[in-house]
Amino acid sequence: MPILATTAGLTSAGLWLHLMFAAPAQSAPATPANLRVQTSAATPETAAWNRANGPTLNLDGYTLVWSDEFDSRRILAGNQSGPALWFAGAQGGPYGAASVGYSPRDDVYIVSNGILTIRAHANVDPSGARTGTWYSGHLQAVNTKGEGFAIEKGYFEARMKFPSSMGAWPAFWLKHRAKWLNPATPNIEIDIVEWYGGDWVGHHHTVHIGDGPTRKFWGDYEKTPVDLSRDWHTHGALITDDWIVIYLDQVEIARFPMLDQLRTPLYPQLTLSILKQPDTGAVSPEAMSPMDLQVDYVRVYAPAGR
């Protein structure tokens, strides 16, 4: 069921719609929702998510072309040029209740013992009381000048541990480099995973094309067999000539037919947003501060001979 989404992904209203009407967990491969639609014939009007549990990921014929194992800190400001793997805050914001600036702040982006931590903080007044606003982090592999890493076809994967907190809104997602080279280019966004504190077993993935009133988007939701904040999990997307395939722990959970508008170099992004409650517009009082999204690695593989 498609739901309202923002440039950073699904809104809190969309989340609660999914919580109310989410499809039941699947224990066996399901019939694809758009089996009748061949990928060569898919259009924005006929495209839909195919749901299936399996098969497992097969990267035969693929080569690792970009990665960060977080053995060192290679982060620059989002509007800065230089030899970095990540650029901070370039996408803008805010992300829910959290602001994100260009600065690669040491209290937001922490690299230690092979782990990246993106840490969100509640702002407080002089008495120590929360003001209702937060600051957090967003990293992407391309800066505001279009410099950095992007690839049209390949497999993108991050191993992450989500915060065990209400108000958490972590995401691993892809955007198109052309956004920075020509601002008139229609927006392209592929949300590999968005996750929300409170919906502990919910996996959201969405494709977006365009901006504003002309934007088209297709959202999908899967219930997972485990609470995704309890342990480490891998989240991946395989971009091919025919499909966008979403993986959880290297097992396919959904796929979307490739559309011509989506054939463009994409780059990975990591974000810890803070969710606003749909009824009050405030962050849950149970939201932990600080709040941590942990990332073990991000890897990108390309097909041989790309």
Protein backbone atom coordinates (compact mmCIF):
# COMPACT_ATOMS: atom_id res chain seq x y z
CA MET A 1 0.00 0.00 0.00
CA PRO A 2 1.70 3.27 -1.07
CA ILE A 3 1.79 5.86 1.66
CA LEU A 4 2.70 9.51 1.97
CA ALA A 5 6.48 10.03 1.90
CA THR A 6 8.96 12.86 2.24
CA THR A 7 12.33 13.31 0.54
CA ALA A 8 13.84 11.53 3.52
CA GLY A 9 11.29 8.73 3.33
CA LEU A 10 7.95 7.86 4.83
CA THR A 11 6.22 10.29 7.15
CA SER A 12 5.07 9.45 10.61
CA ALA A 13 1.49 9.45 9.33
CA GLY A 14 2.47 6.81 6.84
CA LEU A 15 4.10 4.79 9.57
CA TRP A 16 0.92 4.68 11.64
CA LEU A 17 -1.14 3.72 8.62
CA HIS A 18 1.19 0.79 8.14
CA LEU A 19 1.02 -0.16 11.79
CA MET A 20 -2.75 -0.35 11.49
CA PHE A 21 -2.97 -2.12 8.15
CA ALA A 22 0.34 -3.98 7.78
CA ALA A 23 0.31 -7.25 5.85
CA PRO A 24 0.90 -10.40 7.94
CA ALA A 25 4.34 -11.96 8.10
CA GLN A 26 5.06 -14.42 5.30
CA SER A 27 6.43 -17.88 5.98
CA ALA A 28 6.70 -18.99 2.33
CA PRO A 29 7.29 -17.30 -1.03
CA ALA A 30 4.24 -15.31 -2.07
CA THR A 31 2.84 -14.79 -5.55
CA PRO A 32 4.29 -11.53 -6.90
CA ALA A 33 1.78 -8.71 -6.77
CA ASN A 34 2.42 -7.80 -10.42
CA LEU A 35 3.23 -11.17 -11.94
CA ARG A 36 1.43 -10.15 -15.12
CA VAL A 37 3.78 -7.19 -15.65
CA GLN A 38 6.99 -8.04 -17.48
CA THR A 39 9.90 -5.83 -16.53
CA SER A 40 10.42 -4.76 -20.13
CA ALA A 41 6.83 -3.51 -20.17
CA ALA A 42 6.70 -1.91 -16.72
CA THR A 43 5.70 1.74 -16.58
CA PRO A 44 5.13 4.13 -13.68
CA GLU A 45 1.43 3.31 -14.06
CA THR A 46 1.81 -0.50 -13.93
CA ALA A 47 4.83 -0.91 -11.64
CA ALA A 48 4.28 -2.56 -8.25
CA TRP A 49 6.26 -4.35 -5.60
CA ASN A 50 6.67 -8.12 -5.94
CA ARG A 51 6.82 -9.78 -2.51
CA ALA A 52 8.77 -12.98 -2.03
CA ASN A 53 10.85 -14.57 0.73
CA GLY A 54 13.98 -15.81 -1.01
CA PRO A 55 16.15 -16.64 -2.77
CA THR A 56 19.40 -15.78 -1.03
CA LEU A 57 21.81 -13.28 -2.49
CA ASN A 58 24.19 -14.50 -5.19
CA LEU A 59 27.04 -12.16 -6.10
CA ASP A 60 28.78 -14.44 -8.58
CA GLY A 61 30.23 -12.19 -11.24
CA TYR A 62 30.26 -9.13 -8.96
CA THR A 63 33.32 -7.32 -7.58
CA LEU A 64 33.69 -5.08 -4.53
CA VAL A 65 34.23 -1.55 -5.90
CA TRP A 66 33.61 0.71 -2.87
CA SER A 67 33.46 0.11 0.86
CA ASP A 68 33.97 1.54 4.29
CA GLU A 69 34.83 -0.90 7.07
CA PHE A 70 35.12 2.05 9.47
CA ASP A 71 38.70 1.33 10.45
CA SER A 72 39.25 5.10 10.26
CA ARG A 73 37.14 8.26 10.06
CA ARG A 74 36.85 9.56 6.49
CA ILE A 75 34.13 12.21 6.68
CA LEU A 76 34.12 15.76 5.29
CA ALA A 77 31.52 18.53 5.36
CA GLY A 78 28.80 18.04 2.77
CA ASN A 79 29.85 21.08 0.72
CA GLN A 80 33.58 20.36 0.88
CA SER A 81 35.85 18.68 -1.68
CA GLY A 82 38.55 16.21 -0.71
CA PRO A 83 39.60 12.59 -0.31
CA ALA A 84 36.74 11.33 1.85
CA LEU A 85 34.31 8.43 1.65
CA TRP A 86 31.44 10.34 3.26
CA PHE A 87 30.06 13.87 3.24
CA ALA A 88 28.03 15.11 6.20
CA GLY A 89 24.67 16.83 5.97
CA ALA A 90 24.73 17.44 2.22
CA GLN A 91 21.15 16.28 1.68
CA GLY A 92 19.84 19.08 3.85
CA GLY A 93 17.07 18.37 6.30
CA PRO A 94 15.57 18.54 8.79
CA TYR A 95 14.99 14.82 9.26
CA GLY A 96 11.81 14.60 11.27
CA ALA A 97 12.52 16.54 14.46
CA ALA A 98 16.30 16.50 13.94
CA SER A 99 18.42 19.18 12.31
CA VAL A 100 21.61 18.21 10.48
CA GLY A 101 24.34 20.63 9.49
CA TYR A 102 27.30 20.32 7.15
CA SER A 103 29.76 20.02 10.01
CA PRO A 104 31.15 16.48 10.60
CA ARG A 105 30.68 16.89 14.35
CA ASP A 106 32.68 14.65 16.63
CA ASP A 107 29.69 14.13 18.91
CA VAL A 108 27.48 12.94 16.02
CA TYR A 109 29.82 10.87 13.82
CA ILE A 110 31.92 8.54 15.96
CA VAL A 111 34.24 5.91 14.49
CA SER A 112 35.74 3.47 16.99
CA ASN A 113 36.73 -0.21 16.97
CA GLY A 114 35.56 -0.69 13.39
CA ILE A 115 32.08 0.74 14.02
CA LEU A 116 30.49 3.98 12.88
CA THR A 117 28.01 5.45 15.36
CA ILE A 118 25.63 8.17 14.21
CA ARG A 119 24.46 9.73 17.46
CA ALA A 120 21.33 11.86 17.85
CA HIS A 121 20.94 14.29 20.75
CA ALA A 122 17.93 16.08 22.22
CA ASN A 123 18.51 19.81 22.57
CA VAL A 124 18.08 21.08 26.12
CA ASP A 125 17.56 24.49 27.71
CA PRO A 126 19.82 25.92 30.46
CA SER A 127 17.89 23.96 33.09
CA GLY A 128 18.54 20.69 31.24
CA ALA A 129 14.94 20.24 30.07
CA ARG A 130 14.40 19.06 26.51
CA THR A 131 13.31 21.79 24.09
CA GLY A 132 11.58 19.39 21.67
CA THR A 133 14.21 19.72 18.95
CA TRP A 134 17.10 17.39 18.18
CA TYR A 135 20.32 17.29 16.20
CA SER A 136 21.54 14.17 14.45
CA GLY A 137 23.53 12.93 11.46
CA HIS A 138 23.30 12.16 7.77
CA LEU A 139 26.12 10.81 5.61
CA GLN A 140 26.27 10.35 1.84
CA ALA A 141 28.95 9.30 -0.62
CA VAL A 142 28.54 12.35 -2.92
CA ASN A 143 28.94 16.00 -1.92
CA THR A 144 26.91 19.01 -3.02
CA LYS A 145 29.17 19.41 -6.07
CA GLY A 146 28.43 15.91 -7.33
CA GLU A 147 31.89 14.65 -6.35
CA GLY A 148 32.22 11.21 -4.84
CA PHE A 149 31.09 7.67 -5.55
CA ALA A 150 28.00 6.63 -7.52
CA ILE A 151 27.16 3.64 -9.70
CA GLU A 152 24.19 2.76 -11.92
CA LYS A 153 24.05 -1.02 -11.46
CA GLY A 154 25.31 -3.02 -8.50
CA TYR A 155 24.64 -4.29 -5.00
CA PHE A 156 24.59 -1.90 -2.02
CA GLU A 157 24.75 -3.34 1.51
CA ALA A 158 25.07 -2.00 5.05
CA ARG A 159 25.35 -4.01 8.27
CA MET A 160 23.57 -2.04 10.97
CA LYS A 161 22.13 -2.16 14.46
CA PHE A 162 19.14 0.09 14.99
CA PRO A 163 18.47 2.06 18.20
CA SER A 164 16.19 0.31 20.71
CA SER A 165 14.22 3.49 21.30
CA MET A 166 10.92 5.13 20.54
CA GLY A 167 11.44 8.04 18.16
CA ALA A 168 14.19 6.27 16.21
CA TRP A 169 14.01 6.60 12.41
CA PRO A 170 17.18 5.15 10.85
CA ALA A 171 17.52 4.65 7.09
CA PHE A 172 19.87 3.25 4.45
CA TRP A 173 18.95 4.74 1.10
CA LEU A 174 20.14 5.70 -2.38
CA LYS A 175 19.95 8.97 -4.31
CA HIS A 176 21.02 9.99 -7.83
CA ARG A 177 24.21 11.94 -8.46
CA ALA A 178 22.51 14.00 -11.20
CA LYS A 179 20.66 15.89 -8.45
CA TRP A 180 23.85 17.82 -7.74
CA LEU A 181 25.00 18.29 -11.36
CA ASN A 182 21.67 19.59 -12.68
CA PRO A 183 19.11 20.77 -10.10
CA ALA A 184 16.34 20.50 -12.71
CA THR A 185 16.79 16.72 -12.89
CA PRO A 186 13.75 14.88 -11.45
CA ASN A 187 14.40 13.44 -8.01
CA ILE A 188 15.28 9.72 -7.80
CA GLU A 189 15.29 7.96 -4.43
CA ILE A 190 15.40 4.32 -3.42
CA ASP A 191 14.85 3.65 0.27
CA ILE A 192 16.44 0.26 0.96
CA VAL A 193 15.21 0.27 4.55
CA GLU A 194 13.48 2.70 6.83
CA TRP A 195 12.70 1.58 10.35
CA TYR A 196 10.71 3.14 13.16
CA GLY A 197 11.05 2.75 16.91
CA GLY A 198 7.80 1.24 18.13
CA ASP A 199 7.28 -0.84 14.98
CA TRP A 200 10.05 -3.20 16.02
CA VAL A 201 9.46 -5.78 13.25
CA GLY A 202 8.55 -3.42 10.41
CA HIS A 203 10.66 -3.11 7.24
CA HIS A 204 9.77 -0.23 4.92
CA HIS A 205 11.20 0.17 1.40
CA THR A 206 10.14 2.75 -1.17
CA VAL A 207 10.90 3.98 -4.69
CA HIS A 208 10.43 7.68 -5.51
CA ILE A 209 10.49 9.49 -8.87
CA GLY A 210 10.05 13.25 -9.23
CA ASP A 211 9.33 16.13 -6.90
CA GLY A 212 6.35 17.99 -5.52
CA PRO A 213 2.89 17.36 -6.98
CA THR A 214 4.31 15.33 -9.89
CA ARG A 215 6.16 12.91 -7.61
CA LYS A 216 5.36 9.22 -7.98
CA PHE A 217 6.20 6.77 -5.23
CA TRP A 218 5.67 3.13 -4.39
CA GLY A 219 5.92 2.05 -0.75
CA ASP A 220 6.08 -1.50 0.56
CA TYR A 221 6.07 -2.93 4.08
CA GLU A 222 7.17 -6.33 5.36
CA LYS A 223 6.99 -7.74 8.88
CA THR A 224 10.21 -9.41 9.89
CA PRO A 225 10.51 -12.49 12.14
CA VAL A 226 12.64 -10.59 14.67
CA ASP A 227 12.94 -7.19 16.31
CA LEU A 228 15.48 -5.42 14.07
CA SER A 229 16.86 -3.40 16.99
CA ARG A 230 17.88 -6.48 19.00
CA ASP A 231 20.86 -7.49 16.88
CA TRP A 232 22.94 -6.70 13.82
CA HIS A 233 21.38 -7.20 10.37
CA THR A 234 22.42 -6.60 6.79
CA HIS A 235 20.25 -4.48 4.52
CA GLY A 236 20.85 -4.51 0.79
CA ALA A 237 19.57 -3.59 -2.66
CA LEU A 238 20.60 -5.17 -5.95
CA ILE A 239 20.11 -2.82 -8.92
CA THR A 240 20.01 -4.69 -12.25
CA ASP A 241 18.78 -4.06 -15.79
CA ASP A 242 15.41 -5.53 -14.83
CA TRP A 243 14.87 -5.24 -11.07
CA ILE A 244 15.51 -3.44 -7.82
CA VAL A 245 15.75 -6.32 -5.33
CA ILE A 246 15.59 -5.67 -1.57
CA TYR A 247 17.42 -8.02 0.81
CA LEU A 248 17.32 -8.51 4.56
CA ASP A 249 20.24 -10.59 5.86
CA GLN A 250 20.98 -11.41 2.21
CA VAL A 251 17.56 -13.00 1.63
CA GLU A 252 15.24 -11.35 -0.86
CA ILE A 253 12.09 -9.88 0.68
CA ALA A 254 10.76 -7.78 -2.24
CA ARG A 255 11.54 -6.56 -5.73
CA PHE A 256 10.44 -3.68 -7.94
CA PRO A 257 10.62 -3.59 -11.77
CA MET A 258 13.30 -1.34 -13.20
CA LEU A 259 11.93 1.78 -14.89
CA ASP A 260 13.86 3.87 -17.41
CA GLN A 261 13.75 6.89 -15.10
CA LEU A 262 15.69 4.92 -12.49
CA ARG A 263 18.65 4.13 -14.75
CA THR A 264 21.09 6.62 -13.29
CA PRO A 265 24.20 6.53 -11.06
CA LEU A 266 23.20 6.19 -7.41
CA TYR A 267 25.10 6.74 -4.18
CA PRO A 268 24.56 5.34 -0.65
CA GLN A 269 23.29 7.36 2.31
CA LEU A 270 23.00 6.71 6.07
CA THR A 271 20.64 8.74 8.23
CA LEU A 272 19.38 8.76 11.80
CA SER A 273 16.17 10.78 11.74
CA ILE A 274 13.94 11.46 14.74
CA LEU A 275 10.27 10.61 14.37
CA LYS A 276 7.50 13.00 15.35
CA GLN A 277 4.32 11.55 16.83
CA PRO A 278 1.44 11.97 14.37
CA ASP A 279 -1.08 13.05 17.01
CA THR A 280 1.02 15.73 18.73
CA GLY A 281 3.86 16.56 16.33
CA ALA A 282 6.23 16.03 19.24
CA VAL A 283 8.92 13.42 19.74
CA SER A 284 7.97 10.54 22.01
CA PRO A 285 8.91 11.32 25.63
CA GLU A 286 10.37 7.80 25.69
CA ALA A 287 12.95 8.68 23.01
CA MET A 288 16.45 8.08 24.39
CA SER A 289 19.06 10.81 24.22
CA PRO A 290 21.69 10.18 23.12
CA MET A 291 20.37 7.70 20.55
CA ASP A 292 22.75 5.59 18.45
CA LEU A 293 22.60 4.04 15.00
CA GLN A 294 25.58 1.68 14.63
CA VAL A 295 27.06 0.66 11.28
CA ASP A 296 29.63 -2.11 10.88
CA TYR A 297 30.27 -1.57 7.18
CA VAL A 298 28.89 -0.30 3.90
CA ARG A 299 29.88 -2.18 0.73
CA VAL A 300 29.07 -1.75 -2.95
CA TYR A 301 29.61 -4.43 -5.59
CA ALA A 302 29.50 -3.95 -9.36
CA PRO A 303 28.91 -6.51 -12.11
CA ALA A 304 32.04 -7.62 -13.96
CA GLY A 305 32.81 -5.52 -17.01
CA ARG A 306 30.66 -2.60 -15.90
